Protein backbone atom coordinates (compact mmCIF):
# COMPACT_ATOMS: atom_id res chain seq x y z
CA MET A 1 23.50 119.30 22.28
CA LYS A 2 20.97 121.42 21.67
CA LEU A 3 22.54 123.59 23.60
CA VAL A 4 26.05 123.49 21.20
CA LYS A 5 25.78 125.33 18.05
CA LEU A 6 28.22 123.60 15.48
CA HIS A 7 29.87 125.54 12.89
CA ALA A 8 32.06 123.06 11.99
CA LYS A 9 32.15 119.10 11.52
CA PRO A 10 35.93 118.12 10.98
CA LYS A 11 37.37 114.81 11.40
CA LEU A 12 39.76 115.51 14.41
CA ASN A 13 42.38 112.59 15.13
CA SER A 14 42.00 111.43 18.66
CA PRO A 15 41.90 115.13 19.92
CA SER A 16 42.65 116.09 23.63
CA LEU A 17 40.24 118.72 24.96
CA LEU A 18 41.75 121.81 27.13
CA ALA A 19 39.14 124.33 28.57
CA ALA A 20 39.65 127.72 30.10
CA TRP A 21 37.98 129.89 32.39
CA PRO A 22 39.37 133.30 34.10
CA GLY A 23 40.85 132.69 37.23
CA ILE A 24 43.61 133.73 39.69
CA SER A 25 46.10 135.37 37.67
CA ASN A 26 44.08 134.57 34.67
CA VAL A 27 46.78 132.06 33.72
CA ALA A 28 44.23 129.59 32.31
CA ILE A 29 42.50 132.97 30.05
CA ILE A 30 46.02 133.87 28.69
CA ALA A 31 47.80 130.67 27.87
CA ALA A 32 44.69 129.40 26.34
CA SER A 33 44.48 132.41 24.37
CA TYR A 34 48.28 132.14 23.26
CA LEU A 35 47.31 129.40 21.49
CA VAL A 36 44.29 130.42 19.63
CA ARG A 37 46.27 132.84 18.17
CA LYS A 38 49.57 131.33 17.12
CA LEU A 39 48.37 128.00 16.45
CA ASP A 40 45.53 129.58 14.03
CA PHE A 41 42.55 127.42 15.53
CA LYS A 42 39.08 127.46 13.86
CA LEU A 43 35.36 128.02 15.34
CA LEU A 44 34.15 124.97 16.02
CA ALA A 45 31.12 125.17 17.85
CA GLU A 46 29.24 128.19 20.51
CA VAL A 47 27.51 127.49 23.81
CA ASP A 48 23.84 129.32 23.95
CA ALA A 49 25.12 131.51 26.83
CA PRO A 50 21.44 132.78 28.18
CA TYR A 51 20.89 128.90 29.87
CA PHE A 52 24.29 128.97 31.79
CA PHE A 53 24.33 132.61 32.71
CA ASP A 54 21.80 135.13 34.38
CA PRO A 55 22.53 138.64 33.58
CA ILE A 56 22.17 141.15 36.80
CA GLY A 57 22.00 144.48 34.67
CA VAL A 58 22.16 145.97 31.29
CA LEU A 59 24.29 148.96 29.91
CA VAL A 60 22.75 152.23 28.79
CA LYS A 61 24.21 154.38 26.02
CA SER A 62 22.67 157.61 24.87
CA GLY A 63 20.07 157.22 26.82
CA LEU A 64 19.08 154.05 25.41
CA VAL A 65 18.91 150.68 27.21
CA GLU A 66 20.78 147.99 25.47
CA SER A 67 19.92 144.28 25.20
CA PRO A 68 21.64 141.88 27.92
CA GLN A 69 24.78 140.84 27.10
CA PHE A 70 26.30 137.30 27.55
CA PRO A 71 29.66 136.51 28.11
CA GLN A 72 30.86 133.85 25.21
CA SER A 73 31.67 130.27 25.62
CA ARG A 74 32.69 128.61 21.95
CA PHE A 75 34.78 126.03 21.04
CA TYR A 76 37.52 125.87 18.32
CA TYR A 77 39.43 123.15 16.78
CA TRP A 78 43.21 122.68 15.30
CA LYS A 79 44.91 120.03 13.28
CA ASN A 80 48.08 118.81 14.37
CA GLU A 81 50.55 116.96 12.00
CA PRO A 82 49.63 114.03 10.24
CA GLY A 83 49.78 110.87 12.89
CA LYS A 84 49.54 113.19 16.17
CA ARG A 85 47.16 114.21 18.57
CA ASP A 86 44.50 116.93 17.38
CA ILE A 87 43.16 119.76 20.15
CA ILE A 88 40.29 120.94 20.93
CA LEU A 89 39.76 124.35 22.96
CA PHE A 90 36.98 125.81 24.83
CA ILE A 91 37.34 129.17 26.32
CA GLY A 92 34.70 130.67 28.20
CA GLU A 93 35.03 134.36 28.98
CA ASP A 94 33.27 134.07 33.06
CA GLN A 95 32.49 131.22 35.27
CA PRO A 96 28.93 130.15 34.58
CA GLY A 97 26.30 130.06 37.17
CA LYS A 98 25.44 126.23 36.15
CA GLY A 99 29.14 124.80 36.12
CA TYR A 100 28.13 121.39 36.94
CA GLU A 101 25.82 121.13 33.82
CA LEU A 102 28.25 123.53 31.52
CA ALA A 103 31.16 121.32 32.56
CA ASN A 104 28.84 117.92 31.10
CA LEU A 105 28.10 119.69 28.19
CA ILE A 106 31.96 120.32 27.13
CA LEU A 107 32.69 116.76 27.84
CA ASP A 108 29.39 115.47 25.49
CA LEU A 109 30.98 117.88 22.80
CA GLY A 110 34.69 116.34 23.51
CA GLN A 111 33.63 112.33 23.33
CA ARG A 112 31.37 113.30 19.97
CA PHE A 113 35.01 113.93 18.89
CA GLN A 114 36.26 111.32 20.60
CA ALA A 115 38.55 112.86 22.94
CA LYS A 116 40.41 110.80 25.88
CA ARG A 117 42.23 113.23 27.62
CA VAL A 118 40.93 116.41 29.51
CA TYR A 119 43.22 119.75 30.04
CA THR A 120 42.73 122.66 32.32
CA PHE A 121 45.20 125.46 33.64
CA ALA A 122 45.43 126.84 36.78
CA ALA A 123 47.62 128.83 38.68
CA ALA A 124 50.11 127.32 41.27
CA LEU A 125 50.47 130.10 44.31
CA THR A 126 53.80 129.53 45.72
CA HIS A 127 56.86 130.78 47.41
CA ILE A 128 58.88 131.66 44.38
CA HIS A 129 61.42 134.47 44.25
CA HIS A 130 61.43 136.65 40.92
CA SER A 131 64.72 135.22 39.92
CA GLU A 132 63.89 131.67 40.14
CA LYS A 133 62.75 129.36 36.96
CA PRO A 134 58.69 129.01 37.70
CA ARG A 135 57.63 125.40 37.59
CA VAL A 136 54.75 123.63 36.26
CA TRP A 137 52.44 121.57 39.11
CA ALA A 138 50.20 118.77 37.72
CA ALA A 139 47.10 117.20 39.70
CA ALA A 140 45.77 114.34 37.87
CA THR A 141 42.53 112.43 37.75
CA ASN A 142 44.03 108.54 37.92
CA GLN A 143 46.80 107.49 39.69
CA GLN A 144 48.89 105.80 36.20
CA LEU A 145 48.23 109.48 34.49
CA SER A 146 50.06 110.82 38.13
CA ASP A 147 53.06 108.15 37.19
CA GLU A 148 53.20 108.99 33.65
CA LEU A 149 53.33 113.09 34.08
CA ALA A 150 55.83 112.42 37.31
CA ALA A 151 58.25 111.22 34.39
CA THR A 152 58.55 114.84 33.07
CA ASP A 153 59.54 117.90 34.57
CA LEU A 154 56.43 118.30 36.12
CA VAL A 155 55.90 118.63 39.87
CA ILE A 156 53.35 116.28 41.10
CA GLY A 157 52.05 115.96 44.65
CA GLY A 158 50.64 117.73 47.57
CA ASN A 159 47.04 118.53 48.55
CA LEU A 160 45.38 121.82 46.96
CA GLN A 161 41.88 122.69 45.73
CA ILE A 162 41.85 124.14 42.00
CA SER A 163 38.78 126.62 42.75
CA GLY A 164 36.09 127.47 39.61
CA LEU A 165 35.40 125.76 36.50
CA ASN A 166 39.65 124.88 35.93
CA GLY A 167 38.60 122.59 39.11
CA LEU A 168 35.21 121.48 38.59
CA LEU A 169 35.47 120.11 34.68
CA LEU A 170 38.29 117.42 36.08
CA GLY A 171 36.13 116.16 39.00
CA VAL A 172 33.16 116.03 36.28
CA ALA A 173 36.12 113.78 33.75
CA LYS A 174 36.71 111.74 36.49
CA GLU A 175 33.56 110.71 37.26
CA ARG A 176 32.97 109.69 33.52
CA ASN A 177 36.35 107.91 33.90
CA MET A 178 38.47 110.36 31.61
CA ASP A 179 41.74 111.19 32.01
CA GLY A 180 42.11 114.69 32.95
CA VAL A 181 45.07 117.15 33.46
CA CYS A 182 45.82 120.40 35.08
CA LEU A 183 48.88 122.06 34.69
CA LEU A 184 49.24 124.68 37.31
CA GLY A 185 51.65 127.29 36.82
CA GLU A 186 53.53 129.54 39.47
CA VAL A 187 52.63 132.56 39.28
CA PRO A 188 53.12 134.83 37.07
CA SER A 189 54.55 133.15 34.61
CA TYR A 190 52.25 131.86 31.21
CA LEU A 191 55.53 130.41 29.37
CA ALA A 192 56.00 127.54 31.45
CA VAL A 193 52.31 126.60 31.45
CA VAL A 194 51.96 126.60 27.66
CA ASN A 195 54.90 124.84 26.94
CA SER A 196 54.29 122.00 29.61
CA PHE A 197 51.24 121.75 27.31
CA ALA A 198 53.01 121.98 24.15
CA ARG A 199 55.58 119.19 25.52
CA ILE A 200 52.89 116.46 26.32
CA GLU A 201 50.76 116.63 23.43
CA ASP A 202 54.05 117.09 20.94
CA ILE A 203 52.88 120.69 19.58
CA LYS A 204 55.28 122.77 17.97
CA ILE A 205 54.45 126.51 18.87
CA ASP A 206 56.11 129.85 18.52
CA VAL A 207 56.88 131.41 22.39
CA THR A 208 58.98 134.30 21.53
CA GLU A 209 55.92 136.56 22.35
CA LEU A 210 55.81 134.82 25.77
CA GLU A 211 59.63 134.62 26.34
CA GLU A 212 59.71 138.03 25.89
CA GLN A 213 57.14 139.10 28.27
CA SER A 214 58.37 136.90 31.14
CA ALA A 215 61.72 138.79 30.47
CA GLU A 216 59.92 141.91 31.14
CA SER A 217 58.21 140.33 33.82
CA ARG A 218 61.72 139.46 35.68
CA GLN A 219 63.26 142.65 35.07
CA ARG A 220 60.29 144.67 36.31
CA MET A 221 60.41 142.57 39.21
CA SER A 222 64.24 143.06 39.39
CA GLN A 223 63.86 146.85 39.30
CA VAL A 224 61.19 146.64 42.07
CA ALA A 225 63.18 144.35 44.48
CA ALA A 226 66.27 146.47 44.03
CA GLU A 227 64.08 150.21 45.11
CA ALA A 228 62.20 148.41 47.98
CA MET A 229 65.70 147.00 49.16
CA GLU A 230 67.16 151.20 48.67
CA GLU A 231 64.07 152.18 50.82
CA TYR A 232 64.90 149.64 53.34
CA ILE A 233 68.82 150.53 54.00
CA ASP A 234 67.75 154.30 53.80
CA TYR A 235 64.93 153.80 56.27
CA PHE A 236 66.68 151.59 58.70
CA THR A 237 70.32 152.34 58.64
CA GLU A 238 72.07 154.89 59.69
CA PRO A 239 75.17 156.49 58.36
CA ILE A 240 78.44 155.43 59.63
CA TRP A 241 79.83 159.12 59.77
CA GLU A 242 77.12 160.10 61.57
CA SER A 243 77.55 157.16 64.48
CA GLY A 244 81.01 158.37 64.38
CA GLU A 245 80.97 161.70 64.91
CA GLY A 246 78.83 161.55 67.98
CA GLU A 247 81.23 158.80 69.70
CA ASP A 248 83.92 161.52 69.10
CA GLU A 249 81.74 164.25 70.65
CA GLU A 250 81.35 161.85 73.66
CA GLU A 251 85.35 161.02 73.76
CA GLU A 252 86.15 164.89 73.87
CA GLU A 253 83.43 165.58 76.54
CA ASP A 254 84.34 162.48 78.41
CA GLY A 255 88.29 163.58 77.97
């Protein structure tokens, strides 16, 4: 654990570990960051970034070269109500070069605090109409856990690939025989992912902000769809009066 600097040593109750990195539509980062803001997570530890990242350049301000900047990779913790599982949350600002090693380090810290289950979030790219209610798909590291998730309203099944650390972490968890779950939200909804995670982990969280964002997104999509339909009609449809006028002229000429 030399590559991790601990800022606290809380006593946690059978915590679940959630980890998030940037990915498609940034579903993982946005959902995880929302949890941090709304549940008042506290800083637990941070990773020694230079070991996992290789900067490819530097910034220059007013002609002066600045020191290399590294993405933050931090752990947070949140204590649930008594008797319920607490949460350890890891957020990485960027995908590292040494992903497999970082995945093992994250699980090392999780197991240090007796974490038994690992979660990641990702995007599910499906053919969904903007007016439909977004679903959440789930992938698990073992059949028993998959059967448990199937008893909820999560969508189970199918073959897919989860890219980056949001997927790799679960593969490493499987190597360690740890329960692992990826919740994949149909783009562009983050609300569904947060709601599913909160329901599974028995967490109370205010999702009003995400509900408003979701409603605004649907409204914008409806507006874009309506404008596209108007353009389609204008381009491909011949006004009926023009058609009628042409037919009348032909009839008069025939007469």
